[in-house]
Protein backbone atom coordinates (compact mmCIF):
# COMPACT_ATOMS: atom_id res chain seq x y z
CA MET A 1 -0.64 -4.60 3.57
CA PRO A 2 -1.23 -2.25 0.60
CA CYS A 3 0.14 -3.34 -2.76
CA SER A 4 3.18 -1.80 -4.43
CA ALA A 5 3.05 0.23 -7.63
CA ARG A 6 6.24 -1.46 -8.91
CA LYS A 7 5.83 -4.93 -10.38
CA LYS A 8 8.17 -7.45 -11.96
CA LYS A 9 6.11 -7.72 -15.14
CA LEU A 10 2.86 -6.34 -16.56
CA SER A 11 0.11 -8.08 -18.49
CA ARG A 12 -0.44 -6.50 -21.87
CA ASP A 13 -4.18 -5.84 -21.43
CA LEU A 14 -4.30 -4.82 -17.75
CA ARG A 15 -3.74 -1.08 -17.73
CA ALA A 16 -6.16 1.49 -16.34
CA ALA A 17 -5.61 3.75 -19.36
CA GLN A 18 -7.09 1.04 -21.62
CA LEU A 19 -10.44 1.05 -19.81
CA PRO A 20 -13.48 2.90 -21.17
CA GLU A 21 -14.66 6.05 -19.42
CA GLY A 22 -18.03 5.75 -17.76
CA SER A 23 -19.85 5.02 -14.54
CA GLN A 24 -18.05 3.08 -11.83
CA ALA A 25 -20.17 0.02 -12.61
CA VAL A 26 -19.16 0.15 -16.29
CA VAL A 27 -15.45 0.63 -15.53
CA ALA A 28 -15.42 -2.14 -12.90
CA LYS A 29 -17.21 -4.55 -15.23
CA ALA A 30 -14.69 -3.87 -18.01
CA TRP A 31 -11.75 -4.41 -15.64
CA LEU A 32 -13.16 -7.66 -14.22
CA LYS A 33 -13.71 -8.94 -17.76
CA ARG A 34 -10.04 -8.29 -18.56
CA LEU A 35 -8.96 -10.10 -15.39
CA LYS A 36 -11.02 -13.11 -16.36
CA ALA A 37 -9.29 -13.32 -19.73
CA VAL A 38 -5.65 -13.21 -18.54
CA PRO A 39 -3.83 -16.37 -19.70
CA ALA A 40 -2.05 -18.54 -17.13
CA ALA A 41 1.31 -17.82 -18.78
CA GLU A 42 1.09 -14.20 -17.61
CA LEU A 43 0.63 -15.05 -13.92
CA ALA A 44 3.21 -14.98 -11.13
CA ARG A 45 3.04 -15.45 -7.37
CA ALA A 46 1.94 -12.21 -5.72
CA ASP A 47 4.85 -12.37 -3.27
CA GLU A 48 7.24 -12.40 -6.23
CA LEU A 49 5.36 -9.94 -8.45
CA TYR A 50 5.44 -6.81 -6.28
CA LEU A 51 8.79 -5.02 -6.05
CA GLY A 52 10.20 -2.59 -3.52
CA ARG A 53 10.88 -2.44 0.19
CA VAL A 54 7.27 -2.71 1.41
CA PRO A 55 6.54 -6.17 -0.06
CA ARG A 56 10.06 -7.34 0.87
CA LEU A 57 9.52 -6.39 4.53
CA ALA A 58 6.16 -8.16 4.58
CA ARG A 59 7.59 -11.30 2.99
CA LEU A 60 10.50 -11.51 5.44
CA LEU A 61 8.19 -10.93 8.41
CA ALA A 62 5.82 -13.70 7.29
CA GLU A 63 8.76 -16.11 7.04
CA GLU A 64 10.03 -15.05 10.46
CA CYS A 65 6.61 -15.47 12.13
CA HIS A 66 5.63 -18.58 10.14
CA CYS A 67 2.35 -17.01 9.06
CA SER A 68 0.59 -16.19 5.80
CA TYR A 69 -0.02 -12.67 4.60
CA PHE A 70 -2.36 -10.91 2.22
CA ILE A 71 -2.06 -7.90 -0.06
CA ALA A 72 -4.77 -5.26 -0.53
CA SER A 73 -4.73 -4.63 -4.27
CA ALA A 74 -6.62 -1.84 -6.04
CA GLY A 75 -6.80 -3.99 -9.16
CA LEU A 76 -7.37 -7.46 -7.69
CA GLY A 77 -8.95 -7.08 -4.24
CA LEU A 78 -7.65 -9.07 -1.28
CA VAL A 79 -4.88 -11.36 -2.53
CA ARG A 80 -3.11 -14.15 -0.65
CA ALA A 81 0.64 -13.67 -1.16
CA SER A 82 1.08 -17.21 -2.52
CA ARG A 83 -1.65 -16.75 -5.16
CA ALA A 84 -0.67 -16.61 -8.84
CA VAL A 85 -1.81 -13.22 -10.20
CA PRO A 86 -1.18 -10.98 -13.21
CA GLY A 87 0.85 -7.77 -13.28
CA TYR A 88 -1.31 -4.69 -13.85
CA ASP A 89 -1.21 -0.90 -13.98
CA LEU A 90 -4.12 0.39 -11.91
CA THR A 91 -4.10 2.43 -8.73
CA LEU A 92 -6.44 4.44 -6.51
CA SER A 93 -3.97 7.32 -6.19
CA ALA A 94 -5.47 10.44 -7.75
CA LYS A 95 -1.98 11.76 -8.57
CA SER A 96 -1.02 8.78 -10.74
CA GLU A 97 -1.53 8.61 -14.47
CA HIS A 98 -2.62 4.98 -13.90
CA SER A 99 -5.44 5.93 -11.53
CA VAL A 100 -8.84 4.33 -12.06
CA ARG A 101 -10.28 7.67 -10.93
CA ASN A 102 -9.35 9.02 -14.37
CA ARG A 103 -11.77 6.55 -15.99
CA VAL A 104 -14.76 6.90 -13.65
CA ARG A 105 -16.85 9.95 -14.54
CA GLU A 106 -18.35 10.48 -11.09
CA THR A 107 -16.47 10.44 -7.77
CA LEU A 108 -15.07 6.97 -7.18
CA ASP A 109 -16.65 5.16 -4.23
CA ASP A 110 -13.60 3.42 -2.72
CA ALA A 111 -15.53 0.96 -0.55
CA GLN A 112 -17.75 -0.02 -3.47
CA TRP A 113 -14.71 -0.50 -5.72
CA TRP A 114 -13.31 -2.92 -3.12
CA GLU A 115 -16.57 -4.89 -3.15
CA GLN A 116 -16.46 -5.00 -6.94
CA MET A 117 -12.84 -6.22 -6.99
CA GLN A 118 -13.74 -8.88 -4.41
CA THR A 119 -15.91 -10.55 -7.06
CA GLY A 120 -12.91 -10.92 -9.36
CA ARG A 121 -10.98 -13.98 -10.43
CA PHE A 122 -7.99 -13.56 -8.10
CA ALA A 123 -9.57 -12.23 -4.89
CA SER A 124 -9.50 -14.08 -1.58
CA SER A 125 -12.40 -13.81 0.85
CA LEU A 126 -12.25 -12.13 4.25
CA ASP A 127 -13.01 -15.56 5.72
CA GLU A 128 -9.56 -16.69 4.52
CA LEU A 129 -7.93 -13.69 6.16
CA VAL A 130 -9.56 -14.18 9.56
CA ALA A 131 -9.23 -17.97 9.64
CA GLY A 132 -7.32 -19.32 12.63
CA PRO A 133 -6.55 -17.89 16.08
CA GLY A 134 -4.45 -14.93 17.12
CA ARG A 135 -4.13 -11.34 16.00
CA ILE A 136 -4.87 -10.13 12.49
CA VAL A 137 -2.42 -7.27 11.91
CA ILE A 138 -3.19 -4.80 9.11
CA ALA A 139 -0.90 -2.06 7.79
CA LEU A 140 -2.76 0.78 6.05
CA THR A 141 -1.89 3.94 4.18
CA ARG A 142 -4.36 6.82 3.90
CA PRO A 143 -5.43 6.06 0.29
CA TYR A 144 -6.21 2.45 1.18
CA THR A 145 -8.07 3.05 4.45
CA ARG A 146 -11.49 3.77 2.95
CA PHE A 147 -10.81 1.14 0.30
CA VAL A 148 -10.67 -1.82 2.68
CA THR A 149 -11.95 -0.93 6.15
CA ALA A 150 -15.67 -0.74 5.40
CA ALA A 151 -15.58 -4.51 4.81
CA PHE A 152 -13.86 -5.11 8.17
CA SER A 153 -16.61 -3.18 9.94
CA HIS A 154 -19.04 -5.99 9.09
CA LEU A 155 -16.97 -8.71 10.77
CA ALA A 156 -18.38 -10.37 13.88
CA HIS A 157 -17.28 -8.75 17.15
CA SER A 158 -15.10 -11.75 18.03
CA GLU A 159 -13.16 -11.29 14.77
CA ARG A 160 -12.95 -7.49 15.02
CA HIS A 161 -11.52 -8.00 18.52
CA ARG A 162 -8.50 -9.74 16.91
CA LEU A 163 -7.78 -6.89 14.48
CA ARG A 164 -4.78 -4.65 15.05
CA ILE A 165 -4.47 -1.76 12.61
CA VAL A 166 -1.30 0.29 12.14
CA GLY A 167 -0.98 3.39 9.99
CA PHE A 168 -0.32 7.12 10.12
CA GLY A 169 -2.91 9.85 9.61
CA ILE A 170 -5.69 7.34 9.01
CA VAL A 171 -8.01 7.98 12.00
CA PRO A 172 -10.41 10.34 10.15
CA ARG A 173 -10.89 7.66 7.49
CA LEU A 174 -11.39 4.74 9.89
CA PRO A 175 -14.96 3.64 10.68
CA GLU A 176 -15.82 4.43 14.31
CA GLU A 177 -16.18 0.74 15.21
CA LEU A 178 -12.58 0.01 14.17
CA ARG A 179 -10.79 2.90 15.89
CA SER A 180 -10.39 0.97 19.14
CA GLN A 181 -8.26 -1.57 17.22
CA LEU A 182 -5.74 1.04 16.04
CA ILE A 183 -2.19 0.75 17.43
CA THR A 184 -0.56 4.17 17.26
CA TYR A 185 3.16 4.78 16.80
CA ASP A 186 5.48 7.71 17.21
CA ASN A 187 7.06 7.72 13.76
CA ALA A 188 10.13 9.65 14.90
CA ARG A 189 10.91 6.92 17.46
CA LEU A 190 10.00 4.12 15.05
CA ASP A 191 12.62 5.56 12.66
CA ARG A 192 15.28 4.87 15.30
CA LEU A 193 14.34 1.20 15.48
CA ILE A 194 13.56 0.53 11.81
CA PRO A 195 14.76 3.41 9.61
CA GLY A 196 12.81 4.14 6.47
CA THR A 197 10.66 6.60 4.58
CA LYS A 198 7.19 8.04 5.04
CA HIS A 199 6.04 5.73 2.23
CA ASP A 200 6.89 2.52 4.12
CA ALA A 201 6.13 3.74 7.67
CA SER A 202 2.95 1.68 8.15
CA VAL A 203 4.68 -1.58 7.17
CA ARG A 204 7.66 -0.77 9.38
CA ALA A 205 5.20 -0.30 12.25
CA LEU A 206 3.60 -3.64 11.38
CA VAL A 207 7.02 -5.33 11.51
CA HIS A 208 7.83 -3.83 14.90
CA PHE A 209 4.41 -4.66 16.34
CA ALA A 210 4.37 -8.25 15.07
CA ARG A 211 7.79 -8.90 16.60
CA ALA A 212 6.72 -7.27 19.88
CA VAL A 213 3.63 -9.46 20.35
CA LYS A 214 4.91 -12.63 18.68
CA ARG A 215 5.11 -14.52 21.99
CA THR A 216 2.31 -12.64 23.77
CA PRO A 217 -1.13 -14.31 23.92
CA LEU A 218 -4.09 -12.45 22.42
CA GLN A 219 -5.17 -9.66 24.76
CA GLU A 220 -7.10 -6.38 24.61
CA ALA A 221 -5.88 -3.84 22.05
CA THR A 222 -5.30 -1.33 24.87
CA MET A 223 -2.82 -3.75 26.47
CA ASP A 224 -1.02 -4.17 23.15
CA GLN A 225 -0.84 -0.36 22.90
CA ASP A 226 0.65 -0.19 26.40
CA LEU A 227 3.30 -2.71 25.34
CA VAL A 228 4.26 -0.62 22.28
CA ASP A 229 4.38 2.58 24.37
CA ARG A 230 6.73 0.92 26.88
CA LEU A 231 9.04 -0.31 24.13
CA LEU A 232 9.24 3.17 22.54
CA LYS A 233 9.34 5.21 25.75
CA ASP A 234 13.12 5.38 26.13
CA ILE A 235 13.92 5.68 22.41
CA LYS A 236 15.28 9.10 21.49
CA PRO A 237 13.36 10.33 18.43
CA THR A 238 15.08 11.26 15.20
CA ARG A 239 14.76 14.70 13.68
CA PRO A 240 11.38 15.22 11.98
CA VAL A 241 11.27 14.08 8.35
CA PRO A 242 10.71 17.10 6.07
CA GLU A 243 7.33 17.21 4.35
CA ARG A 244 7.57 16.72 0.59
CA GLU A 245 4.84 16.82 -2.04
CA ARG A 246 4.03 13.71 -4.10
CA VAL A 247 3.45 14.50 -7.78
CA THR A 248 2.58 12.69 -11.00
CA ASP A 249 5.06 11.38 -13.57
CA ALA A 250 4.02 14.22 -15.90
CA VAL A 251 5.10 16.84 -13.34
CA LEU A 252 8.37 15.00 -12.73
CA ARG A 253 9.11 14.87 -16.46
CA ARG A 254 8.72 18.67 -16.68
CA LYS A 255 11.10 19.10 -13.77
CA ILE A 256 13.63 16.70 -15.30
CA ARG A 257 13.59 18.55 -18.65
CA GLY A 258 14.51 21.72 -16.75
CA TYR A 259 17.40 19.95 -15.00
CA LEU A 260 18.63 18.56 -18.33
CA ARG A 261 18.66 22.05 -19.86
CA GLU A 262 20.85 23.13 -16.94
CA GLY A 263 23.19 20.17 -17.49
CA ALA A 264 22.52 18.60 -14.07
CA SER A 265 23.48 14.97 -13.41
CA THR A 266 20.90 12.45 -12.20
CA SER A 267 22.11 12.62 -8.58
CA ALA A 268 22.31 16.43 -8.56
CA ALA A 269 18.83 16.71 -10.07
CA LEU A 270 17.32 14.32 -7.53
CA LYS A 271 19.01 16.15 -4.65
CA HIS A 272 17.63 19.48 -5.86
CA LEU A 273 14.16 17.98 -6.37
CA ARG A 274 14.02 16.76 -2.78
CA ARG A 275 15.82 19.59 -0.95
CA GLN A 276 14.88 22.72 -2.89
CA ALA A 277 11.69 21.78 -4.77
CA ARG A 278 10.47 19.76 -1.73
CA ILE A 279 9.08 17.01 -3.96
CA ALA A 280 9.07 13.36 -2.88
CA CYS A 281 10.33 10.79 -5.37
CA GLU A 282 11.84 7.32 -5.03
CA GLU A 283 15.32 7.07 -6.55
CA HIS A 284 14.36 4.13 -8.82
CA ARG A 285 11.38 6.04 -10.22
CA PHE A 286 13.41 9.23 -10.77
CA LYS A 287 16.23 7.42 -12.57
CA ARG A 288 13.74 5.61 -14.82
CA LEU A 289 12.11 8.88 -15.89
CA PHE A 290 15.50 10.57 -16.25
CA ARG A 291 16.68 7.80 -18.63
CA GLU A 292 13.46 8.06 -20.66
CA ILE A 293 13.93 11.78 -21.25
CA SER A 294 17.72 12.00 -21.58
CA PRO A 295 18.92 12.31 -25.21
């Protein structure tokens, strides 16, 4: 599963904004050096570090299925959930002020960045991920698809056969050799079974799929897809979720200052942001920024 931007605590020296600007090789080397120097006192288990609904769903599912799970981290690589890791502020999202893309002078090569992070102090190998029998279920968002899937393309056929990938709008970014392992979902019907937001849709699909095949022996991906289609067939879809733009903290702060000048409360401002301005924002994030700006 992709990592979460919200973390319980942050290490003092692990922020993308502190990195030098330069080539990708220079930026990656500087980041890996900082990872190597993090003291043990600043580490916490990955399954306790990441906050929000996405990591909570993954943790509960792993406990329910008695299996381990891994987190795809832009700053650490592939991380086993039980591994002690540092908190950090680094993301691949171009819209975030903590994006590593702001430090790399050329266009960031996502697949190469993954390979570079895989040499770091806290990364687990793909061999750890694919160890053991059964399905390997992966939840992906669009930003993380190019980041991790190139590595999966190099797995042996017998291991690729066990992959099941869930995600929305990711097909154009998936390598051709992995597209047959994609399990597609109707998000409107999935919302009926496990309500949520567009942000956590891929992990909700992972939860539904893992529960659906928990007692089903490994079979062809097409047969798993048939099973999902049968389970969703008679579910009446919800109304389509309105499309909302995701923006940076800087844009949100400008919006909030306007709401403050108008005397709007936090709840009224958030409602207007979502319904009239058509901007997506988690309530926790909005309230944090609102408190920072409020006199």
